Amino acid sequence: MKKIFIAASILTIVIAACKKTDTTDSTVPLQTNYTNVAYGIDPAQVMDVYLPPNRSTSFTNVLVLIHGGSWSGGDKTDFATFIDTIQKRFPDYAIFNLNYRLASGTQNLFPTQEQDINTAIDFIYSKRNDYKISDNYALLGTSAGAHLALLQAYKDTLPVRAKTVIDFFGPSDMTEMYNNPTIPGGELVIFSVMGTTPTGNSSLYAESSPVNYVTPRVSPTIIFHGGSDIVVRHEQSDTLFARLDSANVAATYVVYPTQGHGWTNSDTLSDSFNRLDAFLRQHMP
């Protein structure tokens, strides 16, 4: 009788444990948004996080947004009007919208911004189990943000190598940006961020140029540029695409001949999203 009681007790414990495990495993993550999540100690080192429902570490892709602004301006709120559209088009993606320290006077000169993006990616990766996200990252940047996205994808590949990178009219060659400005005095903008000239520190300029890190292993890349851009010459993207093509990297290059540094009509924006959608579906898991 004592043996029967012990066996029954053990069975009860096992059943209870199984029920508890089943309840935990079947818990479905809900849609969750966080604003101004700190990834560093500086007030500028924050991000907005948008986590979809039903996410998992095995299949929930990550989309990182990096704003532009000549490395000295701009804010993650620049993407605010597009978050809803991105969520509707990519409902299964976790979205991380980043801020980073901005160059100002002698403070936060480059590569501060590059380092911040890498720190942010480190933070996101460290939270992958808490957020229930996978290791499949797509990086999207505009202008200076595209430059930072390219550096992260091509050069700063730890702790995770991006699966794809989306470049909206970003600089790819900082030496060329300084030596051939689009407007009179344009080189001063680059100097104010770099704190020196290509002659003064050629290594810094070379190491800050994504075009110098193109190898056959770099992430598939889609490039968008306006043919009438007077801030970042379209030749910056011409050169990058040619280098990618020579290295047999999967790359798409879209030029909108009448557009400048940013799109001025909804048709161009819609076309960009359609092409981006197709690109991600092709190259993301």
C-alpha atoms as a PDB file:
ATOM      1  CA  MET A   1       0.000   0.000   0.000  1.00  0.00           C
ATOM      2  CA  LYS A   2       2.889   2.296   0.853  1.00  0.00           C
ATOM      3  CA  LYS A   3       4.478   1.561  -2.552  1.00  0.00           C
ATOM      4  CA  ILE A   4       1.199   2.357  -4.326  1.00  0.00           C
ATOM      5  CA  PHE A   5       0.969   5.669  -2.458  1.00  0.00           C
ATOM      6  CA  ILE A   6       4.562   6.604  -3.387  1.00  0.00           C
ATOM      7  CA  ALA A   7       4.001   5.674  -7.042  1.00  0.00           C
ATOM      8  CA  ALA A   8       0.800   7.692  -7.141  1.00  0.00           C
ATOM      9  CA  SER A   9       2.565  10.677  -5.594  1.00  0.00           C
ATOM     10  CA  ILE A  10       5.372  10.517  -8.147  1.00  0.00           C
ATOM     11  CA  LEU A  11       2.827  10.283 -10.981  1.00  0.00           C
ATOM     12  CA  THR A  12       1.004  13.333  -9.625  1.00  0.00           C
ATOM     13  CA  ILE A  13       4.244  15.323  -9.499  1.00  0.00           C
ATOM     14  CA  VAL A  14       5.196  14.302 -13.048  1.00  0.00           C
ATOM     15  CA  ILE A  15       1.768  15.239 -14.409  1.00  0.00           C
ATOM     16  CA  ALA A  16       1.888  18.591 -12.634  1.00  0.00           C
ATOM     17  CA  ALA A  17       5.374  19.271 -13.983  1.00  0.00           C
ATOM     18  CA  CYS A  18       4.293  18.406 -17.509  1.00  0.00           C
ATOM     19  CA  LYS A  19       1.293  20.725 -17.265  1.00  0.00           C
ATOM     20  CA  LYS A  20       3.500  23.535 -16.022  1.00  0.00           C
ATOM     21  CA  THR A  21       5.980  22.985 -18.853  1.00  0.00           C
ATOM     22  CA  ASP A  22       3.215  22.870 -21.452  1.00  0.00           C
ATOM     23  CA  THR A  23       1.748  26.150 -20.171  1.00  0.00           C
ATOM     24  CA  THR A  24       5.122  27.885 -20.306  1.00  0.00           C
ATOM     25  CA  ASP A  25       6.018  26.619 -23.773  1.00  0.00           C
ATOM     26  CA  SER A  26       2.635  27.532 -25.233  1.00  0.00           C
ATOM     27  CA  THR A  27       2.808  31.148 -24.062  1.00  0.00           C
ATOM     28  CA  VAL A  28       2.607  33.312 -27.196  1.00  0.00           C
ATOM     29  CA  PRO A  29       4.569  36.605 -27.103  1.00  0.00           C
ATOM     30  CA  LEU A  30       2.320  39.596 -27.622  1.00  0.00           C
ATOM     31  CA  GLN A  31       3.109  42.662 -29.688  1.00  0.00           C
ATOM     32  CA  THR A  32       5.303  44.885 -27.542  1.00  0.00           C
ATOM     33  CA  ASN A  33       6.747  48.362 -28.110  1.00  0.00           C
ATOM     34  CA  TYR A  34       9.410  50.111 -26.058  1.00  0.00           C
ATOM     35  CA  THR A  35      10.649  53.674 -26.504  1.00  0.00           C
ATOM     36  CA  ASN A  36      14.057  55.113 -25.648  1.00  0.00           C
ATOM     37  CA  VAL A  37      15.603  51.835 -24.573  1.00  0.00           C
ATOM     38  CA  ALA A  38      19.172  52.588 -23.463  1.00  0.00           C
ATOM     39  CA  TYR A  39      21.950  50.586 -25.102  1.00  0.00           C
ATOM     40  CA  GLY A  40      24.724  52.738 -23.586  1.00  0.00           C
ATOM     41  CA  ILE A  41      25.307  55.307 -20.868  1.00  0.00           C
ATOM     42  CA  ASP A  42      25.060  58.413 -23.048  1.00  0.00           C
ATOM     43  CA  PRO A  43      21.545  59.951 -23.349  1.00  0.00           C
ATOM     44  CA  ALA A  44      21.840  59.721 -27.139  1.00  0.00           C
ATOM     45  CA  GLN A  45      22.436  55.964 -27.039  1.00  0.00           C
ATOM     46  CA  VAL A  46      18.798  54.899 -27.135  1.00  0.00           C
ATOM     47  CA  MET A  47      16.503  53.013 -29.473  1.00  0.00           C
ATOM     48  CA  ASP A  48      12.810  52.374 -30.037  1.00  0.00           C
ATOM     49  CA  VAL A  49      11.861  48.700 -30.155  1.00  0.00           C
ATOM     50  CA  TYR A  50       8.846  47.234 -31.965  1.00  0.00           C
ATOM     51  CA  LEU A  51       8.342  43.516 -31.364  1.00  0.00           C
ATOM     52  CA  PRO A  52       5.680  41.630 -33.355  1.00  0.00           C
ATOM     53  CA  PRO A  53       3.339  39.064 -31.822  1.00  0.00           C
ATOM     54  CA  ASN A  54       4.006  35.323 -32.135  1.00  0.00           C
ATOM     55  CA  ARG A  55       7.736  35.885 -32.395  1.00  0.00           C
ATOM     56  CA  SER A  56      10.446  33.292 -31.935  1.00  0.00           C
ATOM     57  CA  THR A  57      14.238  33.053 -31.740  1.00  0.00           C
ATOM     58  CA  SER A  58      14.083  30.658 -34.671  1.00  0.00           C
ATOM     59  CA  PHE A  59      12.228  32.740 -37.254  1.00  0.00           C
ATOM     60  CA  THR A  60      11.604  36.386 -36.225  1.00  0.00           C
ATOM     61  CA  ASN A  61      13.784  38.556 -38.464  1.00  0.00           C
ATOM     62  CA  VAL A  62      15.293  41.826 -37.293  1.00  0.00           C
ATOM     63  CA  LEU A  63      15.165  45.154 -39.155  1.00  0.00           C
ATOM     64  CA  VAL A  64      17.479  47.889 -37.843  1.00  0.00           C
ATOM     65  CA  LEU A  65      16.754  51.486 -38.889  1.00  0.00           C
ATOM     66  CA  ILE A  66      19.554  54.096 -38.872  1.00  0.00           C
ATOM     67  CA  HIS A  67      18.670  57.744 -39.503  1.00  0.00           C
ATOM     68  CA  GLY A  68      20.672  60.229 -41.540  1.00  0.00           C
ATOM     69  CA  GLY A  69      21.670  63.831 -40.905  1.00  0.00           C
ATOM     70  CA  SER A  70      25.324  64.272 -41.910  1.00  0.00           C
ATOM     71  CA  TRP A  71      26.457  62.389 -38.763  1.00  0.00           C
ATOM     72  CA  SER A  72      25.756  65.595 -36.832  1.00  0.00           C
ATOM     73  CA  GLY A  73      21.956  65.851 -36.947  1.00  0.00           C
ATOM     74  CA  GLY A  74      18.788  63.874 -37.447  1.00  0.00           C
ATOM     75  CA  ASP A  75      16.943  61.634 -35.041  1.00  0.00           C
ATOM     76  CA  LYS A  76      15.175  58.269 -34.931  1.00  0.00           C
ATOM     77  CA  THR A  77      11.898  60.196 -35.079  1.00  0.00           C
ATOM     78  CA  ASP A  78      12.752  60.841 -38.755  1.00  0.00           C
ATOM     79  CA  PHE A  79      11.417  57.311 -39.338  1.00  0.00           C
ATOM     80  CA  ALA A  80       8.288  57.855 -37.230  1.00  0.00           C
ATOM     81  CA  THR A  81       5.928  58.302 -40.177  1.00  0.00           C
ATOM     82  CA  PHE A  82       7.181  55.077 -41.783  1.00  0.00           C
ATOM     83  CA  ILE A  83       6.992  52.697 -38.826  1.00  0.00           C
ATOM     84  CA  ASP A  84       3.334  51.838 -39.431  1.00  0.00           C
ATOM     85  CA  THR A  85       3.973  51.171 -43.125  1.00  0.00           C
ATOM     86  CA  ILE A  86       6.995  49.010 -42.339  1.00  0.00           C
ATOM     87  CA  GLN A  87       5.034  47.027 -39.755  1.00  0.00           C
ATOM     88  CA  LYS A  88       2.205  46.413 -42.216  1.00  0.00           C
ATOM     89  CA  ARG A  89       4.554  45.341 -44.994  1.00  0.00           C
ATOM     90  CA  PHE A  90       6.767  43.237 -42.730  1.00  0.00           C
ATOM     91  CA  PRO A  91       4.463  42.131 -39.894  1.00  0.00           C
ATOM     92  CA  ASP A  92       6.784  39.357 -38.725  1.00  0.00           C
ATOM     93  CA  TYR A  93       9.845  41.588 -38.301  1.00  0.00           C
ATOM     94  CA  ALA A  94      11.162  43.005 -35.052  1.00  0.00           C
ATOM     95  CA  ILE A  95      12.099  46.651 -35.704  1.00  0.00           C
ATOM     96  CA  PHE A  96      14.838  48.562 -33.894  1.00  0.00           C
ATOM     97  CA  ASN A  97      15.020  52.307 -34.601  1.00  0.00           C
ATOM     98  CA  LEU A  98      18.356  53.715 -33.428  1.00  0.00           C
ATOM     99  CA  ASN A  99      19.729  56.999 -32.189  1.00  0.00           C
ATOM    100  CA  TYR A 100      23.469  57.560 -31.848  1.00  0.00           C
ATOM    101  CA  ARG A 101      25.827  60.260 -30.638  1.00  0.00           C
ATOM    102  CA  LEU A 102      26.127  63.160 -33.063  1.00  0.00           C
ATOM    103  CA  ALA A 103      29.284  65.003 -34.026  1.00  0.00           C
ATOM    104  CA  SER A 104      29.362  68.532 -32.615  1.00  0.00           C
ATOM    105  CA  GLY A 105      32.397  70.784 -32.571  1.00  0.00           C
ATOM    106  CA  THR A 106      35.242  68.659 -31.255  1.00  0.00           C
ATOM    107  CA  GLN A 107      32.887  66.195 -29.580  1.00  0.00           C
ATOM    108  CA  ASN A 108      31.853  62.793 -30.909  1.00  0.00           C
ATOM    109  CA  LEU A 109      33.991  62.907 -34.039  1.00  0.00           C
ATOM    110  CA  PHE A 110      33.937  59.899 -36.322  1.00  0.00           C
ATOM    111  CA  PRO A 111      34.144  56.927 -35.740  1.00  0.00           C
ATOM    112  CA  THR A 112      31.937  57.589 -32.689  1.00  0.00           C
ATOM    113  CA  GLN A 113      28.813  57.012 -34.785  1.00  0.00           C
ATOM    114  CA  GLU A 114      30.157  53.760 -36.239  1.00  0.00           C
ATOM    115  CA  GLN A 115      31.040  52.545 -32.745  1.00  0.00           C
ATOM    116  CA  ASP A 116      27.574  53.397 -31.467  1.00  0.00           C
ATOM    117  CA  ILE A 117      25.879  51.330 -34.162  1.00  0.00           C
ATOM    118  CA  ASN A 118      28.111  48.395 -33.302  1.00  0.00           C
ATOM    119  CA  THR A 119      27.299  48.835 -29.603  1.00  0.00           C
ATOM    120  CA  ALA A 120      23.589  48.942 -30.414  1.00  0.00           C
ATOM    121  CA  ILE A 121      23.837  45.723 -32.423  1.00  0.00           C
ATOM    122  CA  ASP A 122      25.716  44.124 -29.524  1.00  0.00           C
ATOM    123  CA  PHE A 123      22.885  45.136 -27.204  1.00  0.00           C
ATOM    124  CA  ILE A 124      20.143  43.815 -29.494  1.00  0.00           C
ATOM    125  CA  TYR A 125      22.013  40.536 -29.923  1.00  0.00           C
ATOM    126  CA  SER A 126      22.458  40.183 -26.157  1.00  0.00           C
ATOM    127  CA  LYS A 127      18.684  40.539 -25.739  1.00  0.00           C
ATOM    128  CA  ARG A 128      17.774  37.994 -28.415  1.00  0.00           C
ATOM    129  CA  ASN A 129      16.308  35.507 -25.918  1.00  0.00           C
ATOM    130  CA  ASP A 130      14.434  38.177 -23.960  1.00  0.00           C
ATOM    131  CA  TYR A 131      13.019  39.741 -27.120  1.00  0.00           C
ATOM    132  CA  LYS A 132      12.545  36.351 -28.811  1.00  0.00           C
ATOM    133  CA  ILE A 133      14.238  37.346 -32.062  1.00  0.00           C
ATOM    134  CA  SER A 134      16.474  35.462 -34.477  1.00  0.00           C
ATOM    135  CA  ASP A 135      20.011  36.157 -35.687  1.00  0.00           C
ATOM    136  CA  ASN A 136      18.733  37.232 -39.110  1.00  0.00           C
ATOM    137  CA  TYR A 137      19.412  40.965 -39.382  1.00  0.00           C
ATOM    138  CA  ALA A 138      18.618  43.472 -42.128  1.00  0.00           C
ATOM    139  CA  LEU A 139      20.140  46.945 -41.787  1.00  0.00           C
ATOM    140  CA  LEU A 140      18.435  49.967 -43.363  1.00  0.00           C
ATOM    141  CA  GLY A 141      19.886  53.457 -43.403  1.00  0.00           C
ATOM    142  CA  THR A 142      19.316  56.766 -45.133  1.00  0.00           C
ATOM    143  CA  SER A 143      22.171  59.103 -46.134  1.00  0.00           C
ATOM    144  CA  ALA A 144      24.710  59.109 -43.261  1.00  0.00           C
ATOM    145  CA  GLY A 145      22.654  56.306 -41.727  1.00  0.00           C
ATOM    146  CA  ALA A 146      23.122  54.255 -44.891  1.00  0.00           C
ATOM    147  CA  HIS A 147      26.877  54.839 -44.636  1.00  0.00           C
ATOM    148  CA  LEU A 148      26.736  53.494 -41.059  1.00  0.00           C
ATOM    149  CA  ALA A 149      24.589  50.530 -42.112  1.00  0.00           C
ATOM    150  CA  LEU A 150      27.079  49.628 -44.831  1.00  0.00           C
ATOM    151  CA  LEU A 151      30.011  49.804 -42.409  1.00  0.00           C
ATOM    152  CA  GLN A 152      28.199  47.573 -39.937  1.00  0.00           C
ATOM    153  CA  ALA A 153      27.271  45.063 -42.643  1.00  0.00           C
ATOM    154  CA  TYR A 154      30.618  44.968 -44.434  1.00  0.00           C
ATOM    155  CA  LYS A 155      33.204  45.788 -41.760  1.00  0.00           C
ATOM    156  CA  ASP A 156      31.801  45.414 -38.248  1.00  0.00           C
ATOM    157  CA  THR A 157      30.359  41.939 -38.680  1.00  0.00           C
ATOM    158  CA  LEU A 158      30.396  40.944 -35.005  1.00  0.00           C
ATOM    159  CA  PRO A 159      28.485  39.804 -33.035  1.00  0.00           C
ATOM    160  CA  VAL A 160      26.280  38.942 -36.000  1.00  0.00           C
ATOM    161  CA  ARG A 161      26.747  39.337 -39.755  1.00  0.00           C
ATOM    162  CA  ALA A 162      23.824  41.105 -41.402  1.00  0.00           C
ATOM    163  CA  LYS A 163      21.916  39.050 -43.939  1.00  0.00           C
ATOM    164  CA  THR A 164      21.102  42.133 -46.028  1.00  0.00           C
ATOM    165  CA  VAL A 165      21.728  45.872 -46.092  1.00  0.00           C
ATOM    166  CA  ILE A 166      19.507  48.590 -47.556  1.00  0.00           C
ATOM    167  CA  ASP A 167      21.292  51.758 -48.654  1.00  0.00           C
ATOM    168  CA  PHE A 168      19.242  54.880 -49.355  1.00  0.00           C
ATOM    169  CA  PHE A 169      21.610  57.421 -50.993  1.00  0.00           C
ATOM    170  CA  GLY A 170      24.479  56.819 -48.597  1.00  0.00           C
ATOM    171  CA  PRO A 171      28.151  57.836 -48.960  1.00  0.00           C
ATOM    172  CA  SER A 172      30.463  54.924 -49.667  1.00  0.00           C
ATOM    173  CA  ASP A 173      33.831  56.669 -50.123  1.00  0.00           C
ATOM    174  CA  MET A 174      34.689  59.326 -47.553  1.00  0.00           C
ATOM    175  CA  THR A 175      37.880  60.416 -49.301  1.00  0.00           C
ATOM    176  CA  GLU A 176      35.903  61.109 -52.448  1.00  0.00           C
ATOM    177  CA  MET A 177      33.231  62.916 -50.419  1.00  0.00           C
ATOM    178  CA  TYR A 178      35.914  65.301 -49.144  1.00  0.00           C
ATOM    179  CA  ASN A 179      37.895  65.731 -52.368  1.00  0.00           C
ATOM    180  CA  ASN A 180      34.896  66.220 -54.664  1.00  0.00           C
ATOM    181  CA  PRO A 181      32.126  68.013 -52.748  1.00  0.00           C
ATOM    182  CA  THR A 182      28.820  68.546 -54.487  1.00  0.00           C
ATOM    183  CA  ILE A 183      28.562  72.163 -53.359  1.00  0.00           C
ATOM    184  CA  PRO A 184      31.168  74.832 -52.544  1.00  0.00           C
ATOM    185  CA  GLY A 185      32.414  74.291 -49.013  1.00  0.00           C
ATOM    186  CA  GLY A 186      30.951  70.803 -48.859  1.00  0.00           C
ATOM    187  CA  GLU A 187      34.298  69.429 -47.771  1.00  0.00           C
ATOM    188  CA  LEU A 188      33.938  71.411 -44.537  1.00  0.00           C
ATOM    189  CA  VAL A 189      30.962  69.237 -43.581  1.00  0.00           C
ATOM    190  CA  ILE A 190      33.132  66.151 -43.897  1.00  0.00           C
ATOM    191  CA  PHE A 191      35.983  67.827 -42.038  1.00  0.00           C
ATOM    192  CA  SER A 192      33.651  68.790 -39.183  1.00  0.00           C
ATOM    193  CA  VAL A 193      32.711  65.140 -38.729  1.00  0.00           C
ATOM    194  CA  MET A 194      36.101  63.522 -39.334  1.00  0.00           C
ATOM    195  CA  GLY A 195      38.150  66.183 -37.536  1.00  0.00           C
ATOM    196  CA  THR A 196      40.839  66.012 -40.193  1.00  0.00           C
ATOM    197  CA  THR A 197      41.455  65.774 -43.939  1.00  0.00           C
ATOM    198  CA  PRO A 198      42.330  62.760 -46.083  1.00  0.00           C
ATOM    199  CA  THR A 199      45.872  64.118 -46.220  1.00  0.00           C
ATOM    200  CA  GLY A 200      45.989  64.526 -42.452  1.00  0.00           C
ATOM    201  CA  ASN A 201      44.683  61.023 -41.710  1.00  0.00           C
ATOM    202  CA  SER A 202      44.332  58.849 -44.784  1.00  0.00           C
ATOM    203  CA  SER A 203      43.837  55.700 -42.686  1.00  0.00           C
ATOM    204  CA  LEU A 204      40.784  57.142 -40.932  1.00  0.00           C
ATOM    205  CA  TYR A 205      39.187  58.036 -44.245  1.00  0.00           C
ATOM    206  CA  ALA A 206      39.977  54.619 -45.745  1.00  0.00           C
ATOM    207  CA  GLU A 207      38.659  52.786 -42.692  1.00  0.00           C
ATOM    208  CA  SER A 208      35.472  54.882 -42.761  1.00  0.00           C
ATOM    209  CA  SER A 209      34.678  54.027 -46.397  1.00  0.00           C
ATOM    210  CA  PRO A 210      32.412  50.988 -46.927  1.00  0.00           C
ATOM    211  CA  VAL A 211      33.598  50.623 -50.511  1.00  0.00           C
ATOM    212  CA  ASN A 212      36.981  49.481 -49.180  1.00  0.00           C
ATOM    213  CA  TYR A 213      35.411  46.519 -47.390  1.00  0.00           C
ATOM    214  CA  VAL A 214      33.634  44.905 -50.321  1.00  0.00           C
ATOM    215  CA  THR A 215      34.522  41.223 -50.661  1.00  0.00           C
ATOM    216  CA  PRO A 216      32.601  38.273 -52.102  1.00  0.00           C
ATOM    217  CA  ARG A 217      31.368  37.561 -48.542  1.00  0.00           C
ATOM    218  CA  VAL A 218      29.590  40.857 -47.864  1.00  0.00           C
ATOM    219  CA  SER A 219      25.846  41.025 -47.386  1.00  0.00           C
ATOM    220  CA  PRO A 220      23.463  41.229 -50.334  1.00  0.00           C
ATOM    221  CA  THR A 221      22.822  44.929 -50.875  1.00  0.00           C
ATOM    222  CA  ILE A 222      20.104  47.066 -52.406  1.00  0.00           C
ATOM    223  CA  ILE A 223      20.996  50.666 -53.239  1.00  0.00           C
ATOM    224  CA  PHE A 224      18.597  53.538 -53.932  1.00  0.00           C
ATOM    225  CA  HIS A 225      19.828  56.899 -55.198  1.00  0.00           C
ATOM    226  CA  GLY A 226      18.458  60.024 -56.801  1.00  0.00           C
ATOM    227  CA  GLY A 227      20.051  61.000 -60.101  1.00  0.00           C
ATOM    228  CA  SER A 228      19.754  64.674 -59.151  1.00  0.00           C
ATOM    229  CA  ASP A 229      21.196  64.337 -55.644  1.00  0.00           C
ATOM    230  CA  ILE A 230      23.325  67.391 -54.797  1.00  0.00           C
ATOM    231  CA  VAL A 231      24.225  66.227 -51.280  1.00  0.00           C
ATOM    232  CA  VAL A 232      25.686  62.796 -51.991  1.00  0.00           C
ATOM    233  CA  ARG A 233      26.629  62.343 -55.630  1.00  0.00           C
ATOM    234  CA  HIS A 234      25.085  59.299 -57.289  1.00  0.00           C
ATOM    235  CA  GLU A 235      28.639  58.392 -58.309  1.00  0.00           C
ATOM    236  CA  GLN A 236      29.099  57.244 -54.704  1.00  0.00           C
ATOM    237  CA  SER A 237      26.518  54.536 -55.339  1.00  0.00           C
ATOM    238  CA  ASP A 238      27.783  53.925 -58.886  1.00  0.00           C
ATOM    239  CA  THR A 239      31.192  53.056 -57.468  1.00  0.00           C
ATOM    240  CA  LEU A 240      29.800  50.881 -54.697  1.00  0.00           C
ATOM    241  CA  PHE A 241      27.566  48.920 -57.052  1.00  0.00           C
ATOM    242  CA  ALA A 242      30.435  48.386 -59.506  1.00  0.00           C
ATOM    243  CA  ARG A 243      32.595  47.056 -56.682  1.00  0.00           C
ATOM    244  CA  LEU A 244      29.819  44.734 -55.508  1.00  0.00           C
ATOM    245  CA  ASP A 245      29.228  43.521 -59.038  1.00  0.00           C
ATOM    246  CA  SER A 246      32.933  42.779 -59.526  1.00  0.00           C
ATOM    247  CA  ALA A 247      32.920  40.761 -56.315  1.00  0.00           C
ATOM    248  CA  ASN A 248      29.831  38.801 -57.463  1.00  0.00           C
ATOM    249  CA  VAL A 249      27.798  40.018 -54.515  1.00  0.00           C
ATOM    250  CA  ALA A 250      24.030  39.873 -54.917  1.00  0.00           C
ATOM    251  CA  ALA A 251      23.205  43.537 -55.390  1.00  0.00           C
ATOM    252  CA  THR A 252      20.419  45.686 -56.805  1.00  0.00           C
ATOM    253  CA  TYR A 253      20.871  49.315 -57.779  1.00  0.00           C
ATOM    254  CA  VAL A 254      17.861  51.570 -58.354  1.00  0.00           C
ATOM    255  CA  VAL A 255      18.325  55.121 -59.655  1.00  0.00           C
ATOM    256  CA  TYR A 256      15.469  57.615 -59.791  1.00  0.00           C
ATOM    257  CA  PRO A 257      16.776  60.180 -62.312  1.00  0.00           C
ATOM    258  CA  THR A 258      14.683  63.175 -61.227  1.00  0.00           C
ATOM    259  CA  GLN A 259      14.968  62.644 -57.478  1.00  0.00           C
ATOM    260  CA  GLY A 260      17.370  64.478 -55.199  1.00  0.00           C
ATOM    261  CA  HIS A 261      18.569  63.633 -51.692  1.00  0.00           C
ATOM    262  CA  GLY A 262      15.292  62.038 -50.625  1.00  0.00           C
ATOM    263  CA  TRP A 263      12.074  61.389 -52.471  1.00  0.00           C
ATOM    264  CA  THR A 264       9.611  64.143 -53.292  1.00  0.00           C
ATOM    265  CA  ASN A 265       6.681  62.076 -54.556  1.00  0.00           C
ATOM    266  CA  SER A 266       4.642  59.149 -53.283  1.00  0.00           C
ATOM    267  CA  ASP A 267       5.129  57.082 -56.446  1.00  0.00           C
ATOM    268  CA  THR A 268       8.885  56.929 -55.882  1.00  0.00           C
ATOM    269  CA  LEU A 269       8.399  56.063 -52.227  1.00  0.00           C
ATOM    270  CA  SER A 270       5.910  53.340 -53.085  1.00  0.00           C
ATOM    271  CA  ASP A 271       8.231  51.912 -55.737  1.00  0.00           C
ATOM    272  CA  SER A 272      11.099  51.880 -53.230  1.00  0.00           C
ATOM    273  CA  PHE A 273       9.015  49.953 -50.706  1.00  0.00           C
ATOM    274  CA  ASN A 274       7.885  47.485 -53.376  1.00  0.00           C
ATOM    275  CA  ARG A 275      11.469  46.828 -54.450  1.00  0.00           C
ATOM    276  CA  LEU A 276      12.607  46.613 -50.838  1.00  0.00           C
ATOM    277  CA  ASP A 277       9.846  44.131 -50.103  1.00  0.00           C
ATOM    278  CA  ALA A 278      10.903  41.912 -53.011  1.00  0.00           C
ATOM    279  CA  PHE A 279      14.567  42.186 -52.037  1.00  0.00           C
ATOM    280  CA  LEU A 280      13.974  41.121 -48.429  1.00  0.00           C
ATOM    281  CA  ARG A 281      11.746  38.262 -49.463  1.00  0.00           C
ATOM    282  CA  GLN A 282      14.521  37.021 -51.738  1.00  0.00           C
ATOM    283  CA  HIS A 283      17.474  37.385 -49.375  1.00  0.00           C
ATOM    284  CA  MET A 284      16.127  37.081 -45.834  1.00  0.00           C
ATOM    285  CA  PRO A 285      15.264  33.632 -44.403  1.00  0.00           C
END
